[in-house]
């Protein structure tokens, strides 16, 4: 167990990154049909793993075009400072994403953060006529996501540490149900309120930087419950 007693699991797309990487790639390089897959996923007819594998099949781009596009994508300006502070406080961070490992490595590498442990879908060149292939090394039986974040939570809890999830959307809902505390953005705020999960809302990693020491000293947990009660009142 880490000395702090806590470990952090952090989403990437829309949480660390300013925009969703796969959405930006599909908008620019996606062939016909990716919108239908997106609609089927949002309607619950297919899981995210099936949706993303199908969408990646429709990407028409060279490696150079992919790298050029990724070079224009950015992360929350306070995230590097948050990582540095977590390391000072002996809190391990693992990036857990239903996105693309290649993209995450490329983007974080520009900030010197490519050494963060990562669980994500694997993007690789494919045999023509397909250009790219998606595989999911962190999937789990019974889970329709490419990366089973619940399995990542279980692995972290297996060390005896308490778990903090930082996330923003639907891919984080299930994992949020199993962690000890959540720093929530966007749709994840609504989920935490509805289900009764201890959390605080954040707009970005400036807020997370402020809250992390308070989580470790115990003062934030009571505040998080208060936020929850107030939101439900």
Protein backbone atom coordinates (compact mmCIF):
# COMPACT_ATOMS: atom_id res chain seq x y z
CA UNK A 1 0.00 0.00 0.00
CA UNK A 2 1.33 3.50 -0.81
CA UNK A 3 2.54 5.56 2.15
CA UNK A 4 -0.32 8.01 1.70
CA UNK A 5 -2.92 5.23 1.94
CA UNK A 6 -4.49 6.42 -1.33
CA UNK A 7 -4.11 5.73 -5.04
CA UNK A 8 -5.54 7.75 -7.94
CA UNK A 9 -7.25 6.47 -11.07
CA UNK A 10 -7.65 9.23 -13.63
CA UNK A 11 -9.64 9.32 -16.86
CA UNK A 12 -7.99 10.89 -19.90
CA UNK A 13 -10.42 12.15 -22.56
CA UNK A 14 -12.21 15.27 -21.33
CA UNK A 15 -10.52 14.98 -17.93
CA UNK A 16 -6.77 15.24 -18.54
CA UNK A 17 -7.21 16.21 -22.18
CA UNK A 18 -9.11 19.33 -23.14
CA UNK A 19 -11.13 17.47 -25.79
CA UNK A 20 -12.06 13.89 -26.59
CA UNK A 21 -9.30 12.48 -28.80
CA UNK A 22 -11.30 9.84 -30.68
CA UNK A 23 -14.11 12.34 -31.39
CA UNK A 24 -11.60 14.79 -32.84
CA UNK A 25 -10.07 12.04 -35.01
CA UNK A 26 -13.46 10.91 -36.29
CA UNK A 27 -14.48 14.46 -37.09
CA UNK A 28 -11.36 14.86 -39.20
CA UNK A 29 -10.56 11.38 -40.55
CA UNK A 30 -13.66 9.25 -40.00
CA UNK A 31 -15.30 7.51 -42.95
CA UNK A 32 -19.07 7.17 -43.40
CA UNK A 33 -20.83 5.17 -40.72
CA UNK A 34 -19.08 6.24 -37.55
CA UNK A 35 -22.03 8.41 -36.49
CA UNK A 36 -24.36 5.38 -36.61
CA UNK A 37 -22.02 3.46 -34.31
CA UNK A 38 -21.99 6.44 -31.96
CA UNK A 39 -25.79 6.53 -31.90
CA UNK A 40 -25.99 2.79 -31.22
CA UNK A 41 -23.57 3.19 -28.30
CA UNK A 42 -25.43 6.15 -26.81
CA UNK A 43 -28.68 4.21 -27.09
CA UNK A 44 -27.14 1.25 -25.28
CA UNK A 45 -27.44 -1.13 -28.22
CA UNK A 46 -23.70 -1.80 -28.27
CA UNK A 47 -20.87 -1.37 -25.77
CA UNK A 48 -18.03 1.11 -26.09
CA UNK A 49 -15.56 -1.62 -27.12
CA UNK A 50 -17.66 -2.62 -30.14
CA UNK A 51 -18.37 1.02 -30.96
CA UNK A 52 -14.74 2.13 -30.87
CA UNK A 53 -13.42 -0.91 -32.72
CA UNK A 54 -15.88 -0.17 -35.51
CA UNK A 55 -15.04 3.51 -35.54
CA UNK A 56 -11.29 2.88 -35.66
CA UNK A 57 -11.90 0.64 -38.70
CA UNK A 58 -13.33 3.74 -40.40
CA UNK A 59 -10.36 6.03 -39.73
CA UNK A 60 -8.57 6.97 -42.94
CA UNK A 61 -5.27 8.58 -41.96
CA UNK A 62 -1.55 8.00 -42.24
CA UNK A 63 0.76 7.81 -39.24
CA UNK A 64 2.09 11.26 -40.17
CA UNK A 65 -1.43 12.69 -40.29
CA UNK A 66 -2.25 11.10 -36.94
CA UNK A 67 0.90 12.47 -35.30
CA UNK A 68 0.29 15.92 -36.74
CA UNK A 69 -3.25 15.93 -35.41
CA UNK A 70 -2.22 14.75 -31.95
CA UNK A 71 0.41 17.51 -31.80
CA UNK A 72 -2.44 20.00 -31.80
CA UNK A 73 -4.28 18.48 -28.83
CA UNK A 74 -3.70 19.76 -25.31
CA UNK A 75 -4.16 18.78 -21.70
CA UNK A 76 -5.43 20.68 -18.67
CA UNK A 77 -2.69 23.21 -17.91
CA UNK A 78 -2.65 22.26 -14.22
CA UNK A 79 -2.31 18.51 -14.73
CA UNK A 80 1.52 18.40 -14.71
CA UNK A 81 1.50 20.29 -11.41
CA UNK A 82 -1.10 17.91 -10.02
CA UNK A 83 1.06 14.91 -10.93
CA UNK A 84 4.09 16.53 -9.30
CA UNK A 85 2.10 17.24 -6.11
CA UNK A 86 0.68 13.71 -5.97
CA UNK A 87 4.18 12.31 -6.25
CA UNK A 88 5.38 14.58 -3.45
CA UNK A 89 2.55 13.21 -1.31
CA UNK A 90 3.32 9.58 -2.28
CA UNK A 91 0.02 9.05 -4.06
CA UNK A 92 0.38 6.79 -7.14
CA UNK A 93 -1.53 7.84 -10.28
CA UNK A 94 -2.69 5.51 -13.02
CA UNK A 95 -4.38 6.79 -16.17
CA UNK A 96 -7.41 4.60 -16.92
CA UNK A 97 -8.99 5.35 -20.28
CA UNK A 98 -11.45 3.90 -22.74
CA UNK A 99 -9.47 5.83 -25.35
CA UNK A 100 -6.36 5.14 -27.43
CA UNK A 101 -3.02 4.29 -25.86
CA UNK A 102 -0.98 5.63 -28.79
CA UNK A 103 -2.69 9.01 -28.61
CA UNK A 104 -2.33 9.24 -24.84
CA UNK A 105 1.38 8.38 -24.97
CA UNK A 106 1.97 10.94 -27.71
CA UNK A 107 0.13 13.74 -25.93
CA UNK A 108 1.48 13.10 -22.43
CA UNK A 109 4.97 12.66 -23.85
CA UNK A 110 5.04 16.33 -24.85
CA UNK A 111 4.68 17.19 -21.17
CA UNK A 112 7.22 14.69 -19.88
CA UNK A 113 4.46 12.53 -18.39
CA UNK A 114 4.72 9.45 -20.59
CA UNK A 115 5.92 7.43 -17.60
CA UNK A 116 2.47 7.43 -15.95
CA UNK A 117 1.03 3.90 -15.76
CA UNK A 118 -1.70 3.52 -18.36
CA UNK A 119 -4.65 1.22 -19.04
CA UNK A 120 -6.25 1.97 -22.43
CA UNK A 121 -7.25 0.45 -25.75
CA UNK A 122 -4.35 -0.40 -28.06
CA UNK A 123 -4.19 1.31 -31.45
CA UNK A 124 -1.97 -0.34 -34.07
CA UNK A 125 -1.46 -0.20 -37.85
CA UNK A 126 -3.57 -2.79 -39.67
CA UNK A 127 -3.20 -4.89 -42.79
CA UNK A 128 -4.69 -3.10 -45.83
CA UNK A 129 -7.40 -2.31 -46.77
CA UNK A 130 -7.87 -1.40 -43.10
CA UNK A 131 -5.48 1.24 -41.88
CA UNK A 132 -5.85 0.88 -38.11
CA UNK A 133 -6.85 -1.82 -35.65
CA UNK A 134 -8.16 -1.48 -32.10
CA UNK A 135 -7.61 -4.14 -29.46
CA UNK A 136 -8.55 -4.01 -25.80
CA UNK A 137 -5.92 -5.56 -23.52
CA UNK A 138 -7.72 -4.29 -20.40
CA UNK A 139 -11.20 -5.63 -21.16
CA UNK A 140 -12.94 -7.95 -18.69
CA UNK A 141 -15.52 -10.70 -18.94
CA UNK A 142 -19.04 -9.31 -18.67
CA UNK A 143 -17.93 -5.73 -19.37
CA UNK A 144 -18.74 -4.12 -22.72
CA UNK A 145 -16.14 -1.37 -22.32
CA UNK A 146 -12.77 -1.51 -24.01
CA UNK A 147 -11.05 -0.78 -20.71
CA UNK A 148 -12.83 -2.16 -17.66
CA UNK A 149 -12.27 0.61 -15.17
CA UNK A 150 -13.99 -1.43 -12.46
CA UNK A 151 -11.28 -4.06 -12.83
CA UNK A 152 -8.67 -1.30 -12.51
CA UNK A 153 -10.36 -0.15 -9.30
CA UNK A 154 -10.39 -3.70 -7.93
CA UNK A 155 -6.69 -4.06 -8.71
CA UNK A 156 -5.90 -0.81 -6.90
CA UNK A 157 -8.01 -1.74 -3.88
CA UNK A 158 -6.20 -5.07 -3.77
CA UNK A 159 -3.12 -3.22 -2.51
CA UNK A 160 -5.07 -2.09 0.55
CA UNK A 161 -5.17 1.53 -0.62
CA UNK A 162 -8.22 3.73 -0.70
CA UNK A 163 -9.11 4.85 -4.20
CA UNK A 164 -9.77 8.26 -5.72
CA UNK A 165 -11.33 8.47 -9.18
CA UNK A 166 -11.01 11.61 -11.30
CA UNK A 167 -13.33 11.59 -14.29
CA UNK A 168 -16.00 13.31 -16.31
CA UNK A 169 -18.42 11.05 -18.14
CA UNK A 170 -20.28 7.81 -18.81
CA UNK A 171 -17.16 5.65 -19.04
CA UNK A 172 -16.48 6.54 -15.38
CA UNK A 173 -19.93 5.79 -13.97
CA UNK A 174 -19.37 2.14 -13.09
CA UNK A 175 -15.92 2.72 -11.59
CA UNK A 176 -17.28 5.61 -9.50
CA UNK A 177 -19.64 3.15 -7.80
CA UNK A 178 -16.66 1.20 -6.43
CA UNK A 179 -14.13 3.84 -5.30
CA UNK A 180 -13.83 5.65 -1.99
CA UNK A 181 -14.05 9.19 -3.34
CA UNK A 182 -14.50 11.03 -6.65
CA UNK A 183 -13.29 14.32 -8.09
CA UNK A 184 -16.05 14.75 -10.67
CA UNK A 185 -16.50 16.85 -13.79
CA UNK A 186 -19.46 17.28 -16.12
CA UNK A 187 -21.83 14.28 -16.36
CA UNK A 188 -20.02 12.40 -13.59
CA UNK A 189 -21.22 15.05 -11.13
CA UNK A 190 -24.84 14.17 -11.92
CA UNK A 191 -24.12 10.46 -11.53
CA UNK A 192 -22.45 10.89 -8.14
CA UNK A 193 -25.37 13.01 -6.93
CA UNK A 194 -27.96 10.52 -8.15
CA UNK A 195 -26.29 7.40 -6.77
CA UNK A 196 -25.00 8.85 -3.49
CA UNK A 197 -21.26 8.64 -4.10
CA UNK A 198 -18.95 10.82 -1.94
CA UNK A 199 -17.47 13.41 -4.30
CA UNK A 200 -16.53 17.01 -4.88
CA UNK A 201 -17.16 18.79 -8.19
CA UNK A 202 -14.13 20.15 -10.03
CA UNK A 203 -13.74 22.25 -13.14
CA UNK A 204 -10.17 21.10 -13.70
CA UNK A 205 -6.89 20.20 -12.04
CA UNK A 206 -6.47 23.55 -10.33
CA UNK A 207 -9.38 22.44 -8.14
CA UNK A 208 -7.93 18.94 -7.83
CA UNK A 209 -4.62 20.44 -6.63
CA UNK A 210 -6.48 22.28 -3.89
CA UNK A 211 -8.54 19.28 -2.82
CA UNK A 212 -5.91 16.52 -2.83
CA UNK A 213 -4.14 17.44 0.45
CA UNK A 214 -7.55 17.82 2.11
CA UNK A 215 -8.52 14.36 0.94
CA UNK A 216 -5.37 12.89 2.44
CA UNK A 217 -5.80 14.58 5.83
CA UNK A 218 -9.45 13.50 6.04
CA UNK A 219 -11.05 16.94 5.97
CA UNK A 220 -12.42 16.59 2.46
CA UNK A 221 -14.39 13.42 3.08
CA UNK A 222 -16.83 15.18 5.38
CA UNK A 223 -16.97 18.11 2.94
CA UNK A 224 -17.69 15.68 0.13
CA UNK A 225 -20.62 14.18 1.99
CA UNK A 226 -21.90 17.67 2.71
CA UNK A 227 -21.69 18.55 -0.96
CA UNK A 228 -23.61 15.39 -1.73
CA UNK A 229 -26.36 16.08 0.79
CA UNK A 230 -26.66 19.68 -0.34
CA UNK A 231 -26.93 18.62 -3.96
CA UNK A 232 -29.73 16.17 -3.17
CA UNK A 233 -31.67 18.51 -0.89
